C-alpha atoms as a PDB file:
ATOM      1  CA  GLU A   1      -0.146   3.705 -14.604  1.00  0.00           C
ATOM      2  CA  CYS A   2       2.178   5.883 -12.438  1.00  0.00           C
ATOM      3  CA  ASN A   3       5.239   4.208 -13.845  1.00  0.00           C
ATOM      4  CA  LYS A   4       3.949   4.835 -17.406  1.00  0.00           C
ATOM      5  CA  ARG A   5       3.891   8.544 -16.578  1.00  0.00           C
ATOM      6  CA  GLY A   6       7.436   8.561 -15.220  1.00  0.00           C
ATOM      7  CA  TYR A   7       6.676   8.298 -11.486  1.00  0.00           C
ATOM      8  CA  ASN A   8       7.906   5.838  -9.052  1.00  0.00           C
ATOM      9  CA  VAL A   9       5.624   4.776  -6.222  1.00  0.00           C
ATOM     10  CA  VAL A  10       6.686   3.612  -2.753  1.00  0.00           C
ATOM     11  CA  VAL A  11       4.057   2.222  -0.339  1.00  0.00           C
ATOM     12  CA  VAL A  12       5.003   2.456   3.340  1.00  0.00           C
ATOM     13  CA  ASN A  13       2.980   0.071   5.596  1.00  0.00           C
ATOM     14  CA  TYR A  14       3.099   0.633   9.383  1.00  0.00           C
ATOM     15  CA  ARG A  15       1.384  -0.744  12.414  1.00  0.00           C
ATOM     16  CA  GLU A  16       0.232   1.062  15.690  1.00  0.00           C
ATOM     17  CA  THR A  17       0.994  -1.446  18.375  1.00  0.00           C
ATOM     18  CA  VAL A  18       1.494  -0.990  22.004  1.00  0.00           C
ATOM     19  CA  ASP A  19       5.254  -1.129  21.461  1.00  0.00           C
ATOM     20  CA  GLU A  20       5.110   1.117  18.379  1.00  0.00           C
ATOM     21  CA  ALA A  21       2.638   3.860  19.063  1.00  0.00           C
ATOM     22  CA  TYR A  22       3.354   7.468  18.323  1.00  0.00           C
ATOM     23  CA  PRO A  23       5.817   8.621  17.147  1.00  0.00           C
ATOM     24  CA  MET A  24       7.115   5.278  15.660  1.00  0.00           C
ATOM     25  CA  PRO A  25       4.925   5.241  12.552  1.00  0.00           C
ATOM     26  CA  GLN A  26       6.156   8.714  11.584  1.00  0.00           C
ATOM     27  CA  LYS A  27       9.784   7.690  12.298  1.00  0.00           C
ATOM     28  CA  TYR A  28       9.453   4.756   9.947  1.00  0.00           C
ATOM     29  CA  LEU A  29       7.979   6.986   7.308  1.00  0.00           C
ATOM     30  CA  ALA A  30      10.629   9.596   7.701  1.00  0.00           C
ATOM     31  CA  ASN A  31      13.400   6.960   7.377  1.00  0.00           C
ATOM     32  CA  VAL A  32      11.881   5.717   4.107  1.00  0.00           C
ATOM     33  CA  LEU A  33      11.537   9.261   2.745  1.00  0.00           C
ATOM     34  CA  ASN A  34      15.227  10.034   3.571  1.00  0.00           C
ATOM     35  CA  ILE A  35      16.338   6.875   1.740  1.00  0.00           C
ATOM     36  CA  ILE A  36      14.239   7.924  -1.243  1.00  0.00           C
ATOM     37  CA  LYS A  37      15.626  11.475  -1.191  1.00  0.00           C
ATOM     38  CA  GLU A  38      19.209  10.099  -1.248  1.00  0.00           C
ATOM     39  CA  ASP A  39      18.576   8.613  -4.675  1.00  0.00           C
ATOM     40  CA  LYS A  40      20.055  11.167  -7.210  1.00  0.00           C
ATOM     41  CA  ARG A  41      17.322  10.245  -9.692  1.00  0.00           C
ATOM     42  CA  VAL A  42      14.667  11.611  -7.402  1.00  0.00           C
ATOM     43  CA  SER A  43      13.893  15.243  -7.979  1.00  0.00           C
ATOM     44  CA  GLN A  44      10.619  15.617  -6.192  1.00  0.00           C
ATOM     45  CA  VAL A  45       8.681  13.784  -3.501  1.00  0.00           C
ATOM     46  CA  ILE A  46       4.897  13.787  -3.378  1.00  0.00           C
ATOM     47  CA  GLY A  47       3.306  12.385  -0.258  1.00  0.00           C
ATOM     48  CA  LEU A  48      -0.131  10.664  -0.292  1.00  0.00           C
ATOM     49  CA  GLY A  49      -2.038   9.739   2.860  1.00  0.00           C
ATOM     50  CA  PHE A  50      -5.433   8.327   3.519  1.00  0.00           C
ATOM     51  CA  SER A  51      -7.422   8.706   6.744  1.00  0.00           C
ATOM     52  CA  ALA A  52      -5.203   7.917   9.738  1.00  0.00           C
ATOM     53  CA  GLY A  53      -2.318   7.593   7.263  1.00  0.00           C
ATOM     54  CA  GLY A  54      -3.130  11.190   6.272  1.00  0.00           C
ATOM     55  CA  HIS A  55      -2.568  12.196   9.830  1.00  0.00           C
ATOM     56  CA  CYS A  56       0.648  10.299  10.016  1.00  0.00           C
ATOM     57  CA  ILE A  57       2.281  11.944   7.026  1.00  0.00           C
ATOM     58  CA  LEU A  58       0.996  15.430   7.737  1.00  0.00           C
ATOM     59  CA  GLU A  59       2.266  15.257  11.355  1.00  0.00           C
ATOM     60  CA  MET A  60       5.661  14.161  10.045  1.00  0.00           C
ATOM     61  CA  CYS A  61       5.654  17.125   7.624  1.00  0.00           C
ATOM     62  CA  LEU A  62       4.468  19.710  10.156  1.00  0.00           C
ATOM     63  CA  HIS A  63       6.940  18.602  12.758  1.00  0.00           C
ATOM     64  CA  HIS A  64       9.745  17.767  10.229  1.00  0.00           C
ATOM     65  CA  GLU A  65      12.451  18.937  12.723  1.00  0.00           C
ATOM     66  CA  ASN A  66      11.585  15.973  14.970  1.00  0.00           C
ATOM     67  CA  TYR A  67      12.105  13.558  12.028  1.00  0.00           C
ATOM     68  CA  ASN A  68      15.115  15.120  10.285  1.00  0.00           C
ATOM     69  CA  ILE A  69      13.347  15.331   7.004  1.00  0.00           C
ATOM     70  CA  ASP A  70      12.993  18.007   4.235  1.00  0.00           C
ATOM     71  CA  LYS A  71       9.694  19.530   3.327  1.00  0.00           C
ATOM     72  CA  LEU A  72       7.750  17.521   0.680  1.00  0.00           C
ATOM     73  CA  ASP A  73       7.086  19.044  -2.617  1.00  0.00           C
ATOM     74  CA  LEU A  74       3.385  18.271  -2.445  1.00  0.00           C
ATOM     75  CA  LEU A  75       1.125  16.467  -0.074  1.00  0.00           C
ATOM     76  CA  MET A  76      -2.091  14.815  -1.097  1.00  0.00           C
ATOM     77  CA  LEU A  77      -4.596  13.763   1.608  1.00  0.00           C
ATOM     78  CA  ALA A  78      -7.845  11.875   1.271  1.00  0.00           C
ATOM     79  CA  TYR A  79     -10.427  12.077   3.960  1.00  0.00           C
ATOM     80  CA  PRO A  80      -7.628  12.649   6.599  1.00  0.00           C
ATOM     81  CA  VAL A  81      -7.787  12.504  10.377  1.00  0.00           C
ATOM     82  CA  ILE A  82      -6.650  15.916  11.418  1.00  0.00           C
ATOM     83  CA  THR A  83      -8.027  17.065  14.754  1.00  0.00           C
ATOM     84  CA  ALA A  84      -8.172  15.675  18.223  1.00  0.00           C
ATOM     85  CA  ASP A  85     -10.925  18.131  19.122  1.00  0.00           C
ATOM     86  CA  GLU A  86     -13.634  15.920  20.625  1.00  0.00           C
ATOM     87  CA  ARG A  87     -16.312  17.634  18.533  1.00  0.00           C
ATOM     88  CA  TYR A  88     -14.784  16.198  15.311  1.00  0.00           C
ATOM     89  CA  ALA A  89     -12.073  13.697  16.197  1.00  0.00           C
ATOM     90  CA  HIS A  90     -12.036  10.183  14.972  1.00  0.00           C
ATOM     91  CA  MET A  91     -11.229   8.820  18.456  1.00  0.00           C
ATOM     92  CA  GLY A  92     -10.521   5.296  17.286  1.00  0.00           C
ATOM     93  CA  SER A  93      -7.543   6.623  15.399  1.00  0.00           C
ATOM     94  CA  PHE A  94      -6.221   8.583  18.391  1.00  0.00           C
ATOM     95  CA  ASP A  95      -6.766   5.523  20.602  1.00  0.00           C
ATOM     96  CA  LEU A  96      -4.675   3.434  18.304  1.00  0.00           C
ATOM     97  CA  LEU A  97      -2.009   6.128  17.790  1.00  0.00           C
ATOM     98  CA  LEU A  98      -1.548   7.252  21.484  1.00  0.00           C
ATOM     99  CA  LYS A  99      -2.402   4.078  23.399  1.00  0.00           C
ATOM    100  CA  GLU A 100      -2.078   4.809  27.064  1.00  0.00           C
ATOM    101  CA  GLU A 101      -1.248   8.527  26.228  1.00  0.00           C
ATOM    102  CA  VAL A 102      -4.626   9.098  24.687  1.00  0.00           C
ATOM    103  CA  ASN A 103      -5.785  11.245  27.580  1.00  0.00           C
ATOM    104  CA  ASN A 104      -2.718  13.404  27.466  1.00  0.00           C
ATOM    105  CA  LYS A 105      -4.415  16.785  26.581  1.00  0.00           C
ATOM    106  CA  GLU A 106      -1.037  18.405  25.807  1.00  0.00           C
ATOM    107  CA  LEU A 107      -0.082  15.671  23.388  1.00  0.00           C
ATOM    108  CA  ARG A 108      -3.515  15.610  21.799  1.00  0.00           C
ATOM    109  CA  ASP A 109      -3.295  19.434  21.232  1.00  0.00           C
ATOM    110  CA  TYR A 110       0.030  18.860  19.684  1.00  0.00           C
ATOM    111  CA  LEU A 111      -1.452  16.325  17.341  1.00  0.00           C
ATOM    112  CA  SER A 112      -4.374  18.414  16.450  1.00  0.00           C
ATOM    113  CA  LEU A 113      -2.662  19.350  13.215  1.00  0.00           C
ATOM    114  CA  GLU A 114      -4.834  22.227  12.321  1.00  0.00           C
ATOM    115  CA  LYS A 115      -3.032  24.027  15.165  1.00  0.00           C
ATOM    116  CA  GLN A 116       0.429  23.216  13.789  1.00  0.00           C
ATOM    117  CA  VAL A 117       0.292  24.569  10.254  1.00  0.00           C
ATOM    118  CA  ASN A 118       2.548  27.480   9.295  1.00  0.00           C
ATOM    119  CA  SER A 119       4.176  28.799   6.116  1.00  0.00           C
ATOM    120  CA  ASP A 120       7.472  27.212   7.007  1.00  0.00           C
ATOM    121  CA  ASN A 121       6.343  23.655   7.657  1.00  0.00           C
ATOM    122  CA  ALA A 122       3.302  23.000   5.525  1.00  0.00           C
ATOM    123  CA  PRO A 123       3.823  21.633   2.061  1.00  0.00           C
ATOM    124  CA  ASP A 124       1.542  22.591  -0.812  1.00  0.00           C
ATOM    125  CA  LEU A 125      -1.616  20.558  -0.396  1.00  0.00           C
ATOM    126  CA  PHE A 126      -4.259  18.614  -2.471  1.00  0.00           C
ATOM    127  CA  LEU A 127      -7.083  17.563  -0.216  1.00  0.00           C
ATOM    128  CA  TRP A 128     -10.288  15.774  -0.795  1.00  0.00           C
ATOM    129  CA  GLY A 129     -13.091  14.142   1.073  1.00  0.00           C
ATOM    130  CA  THR A 130     -16.868  13.543   1.081  1.00  0.00           C
ATOM    131  CA  TYR A 131     -19.604  15.380   2.901  1.00  0.00           C
ATOM    132  CA  THR A 132     -21.338  12.106   3.917  1.00  0.00           C
ATOM    133  CA  ASP A 133     -18.265  10.383   5.389  1.00  0.00           C
ATOM    134  CA  LEU A 134     -19.629   8.947   8.675  1.00  0.00           C
ATOM    135  CA  SER A 135     -16.208   7.829   9.935  1.00  0.00           C
ATOM    136  CA  VAL A 136     -14.020  10.971   9.699  1.00  0.00           C
ATOM    137  CA  SER A 137     -16.039  14.098   9.809  1.00  0.00           C
ATOM    138  CA  VAL A 138     -15.403  16.462   6.857  1.00  0.00           C
ATOM    139  CA  MET A 139     -14.740  19.103   9.530  1.00  0.00           C
ATOM    140  CA  ASN A 140     -11.289  17.525   9.854  1.00  0.00           C
ATOM    141  CA  SER A 141     -10.616  18.727   6.290  1.00  0.00           C
ATOM    142  CA  LEU A 142     -12.327  22.107   6.676  1.00  0.00           C
ATOM    143  CA  LEU A 143     -10.275  22.824   9.884  1.00  0.00           C
ATOM    144  CA  LEU A 144      -7.082  21.973   7.908  1.00  0.00           C
ATOM    145  CA  LEU A 145      -8.101  24.045   4.989  1.00  0.00           C
ATOM    146  CA  GLU A 146      -8.803  27.102   7.279  1.00  0.00           C
ATOM    147  CA  ALA A 147      -5.337  26.702   8.787  1.00  0.00           C
ATOM    148  CA  TYR A 148      -3.681  26.562   5.325  1.00  0.00           C
ATOM    149  CA  ASN A 149      -5.614  29.695   4.422  1.00  0.00           C
ATOM    150  CA  LYS A 150      -4.428  31.566   7.582  1.00  0.00           C
ATOM    151  CA  ALA A 151      -0.865  30.516   6.853  1.00  0.00           C
ATOM    152  CA  LYS A 152      -1.182  31.511   3.221  1.00  0.00           C
ATOM    153  CA  VAL A 153       0.076  28.091   1.981  1.00  0.00           C
ATOM    154  CA  ASN A 154      -1.260  26.734  -1.311  1.00  0.00           C
ATOM    155  CA  ALA A 155      -4.099  24.257  -1.015  1.00  0.00           C
ATOM    156  CA  GLU A 156      -6.679  22.800  -3.324  1.00  0.00           C
ATOM    157  CA  TYR A 157      -9.777  21.106  -1.867  1.00  0.00           C
ATOM    158  CA  HIS A 158     -12.472  18.950  -3.331  1.00  0.00           C
ATOM    159  CA  MET A 159     -15.488  18.028  -1.219  1.00  0.00           C
ATOM    160  CA  PHE A 160     -17.740  15.550  -2.953  1.00  0.00           C
ATOM    161  CA  PRO A 161     -21.413  15.480  -1.898  1.00  0.00           C
ATOM    162  CA  TYR A 162     -21.675  11.768  -1.436  1.00  0.00           C
ATOM    163  CA  GLY A 163     -19.310   8.824  -0.620  1.00  0.00           C
ATOM    164  CA  ALA A 164     -18.421   6.665   2.296  1.00  0.00           C
ATOM    165  CA  HIS A 165     -15.108   6.556   4.112  1.00  0.00           C
ATOM    166  CA  GLY A 166     -12.384   4.588   2.578  1.00  0.00           C
ATOM    167  CA  LEU A 167     -12.867   5.316  -1.101  1.00  0.00           C
ATOM    168  CA  SER A 168      -9.094   5.123  -1.805  1.00  0.00           C
ATOM    169  CA  VAL A 169      -8.362   6.631  -5.082  1.00  0.00           C
ATOM    170  CA  ALA A 170     -11.827   5.863  -6.555  1.00  0.00           C
END
């Protein structure tokens, strides 16, 4: 369907292993984005991330100087992992991402992405999730939305009243 509308789609798979924990998934993604941006036929890049993948792509965007990439034209996130705040964090995602560094408070604060948003680093955002998501608290999205509001960066948010985690693009 995307191709019929003139869009090309690239799917980036990554693994979080002991040898390839943070920041390797973001580095892989940045490498792919840089290759795509080199293609003269590409005029815009829209990122799409789900759950922990949402955290991966947003972290890469917010800390773009670490990955030598340009700002995305638009970012779309679905039920993303955003915060390492113990009240709302999806700790399984941070366990996989950080491995033996999971208790490093400074690193977890740095990866609490609601604390990293500013008008220079945050791409325009389309965000959605469900109120009844039992895996990743909707508070992750609300914290991100609040940060976007404070930074005065464009964001659109849709919270649906019902739905489990992992709805993909349903």
